[in-house]
Amino acid sequence: MKENIPEKGASVQKDMETYAIIPYISGGIVDSAMLRKIADAADKYNIKIMKLTSEGRISLHGIREEDLDRVWEDLRMKPGGHLGKCVRPAKSCIGDICCKKGYQNSVGMSQKINEFYCGVPTPRKLKIAVSGCPNSCGESAVRDIGLIGTGKGWKLLVGGNCGIKPRIGKLLAKNLSDDEVIELIGRIIDYYSEQGVEKRVGAVIEKIGFKKFSQDVLG
């Protein structure tokens, strides 16, 4: 029976024979050259199913194990479908790049977060979302760490998630600059990892209490 191949960013599929990969697309922003490379690889390796993911990436399904290395070579992209217990690539709305309602550059912020933290090991998977305004099109309230842009900076929510037991994140800090966001996310990840509890961030906060979590993280 085949298994996931994390070093190749490959997740075994339902048929237990073929694999899916997700090329790294920072901030969900693509250009025509990138799309052509993906389309050319799909044609060359008979990849029948490609899916736009909720995180703003493109998953390629049904790849034979013997083709994995060649697919990655042709794509000339690094894996973005991080498997297992780590910080996942940050999700983002379009923000103030194009949206008339955007207060902050959510795409740029998500790219900064990815540069610092994507792939960092954590007790369980840790998802981050960035929204450029309170409409929260990035679904920031239901991620382990969520950012919402305002006219005065960033609000940071913590402890949200979807899944079997959905949680809405709690407001940890507001009016943050970009640099303050990056620093605070690092403190959250470090504190979460130090607890040694193999549960999502929201469950850890529920266990120790939001007041203590806030005091410890914010100092």
Foldseek 3Di string as FASTA:
>chain_A
DDQADQVLQWGQDPVNFWTKFWFDDQQLDDDPVLVVLVVVLCVVQVQDDWDQDLQNTIMTIDGGPVCSVVSCVSNVTGTQNHDWAFEHQEGEDCAPVDDPQFQDRQRVLSNVLCVPGHGHGALTYFYEYEYRAPVPPRVQQAGQWYWHHDNQAIWIFHQAHDPPDGDGTDTLDDSDHSVRVNVLVVLLRVVRRVVVDNDRNNVVCVVVDVVVSSVNSVD
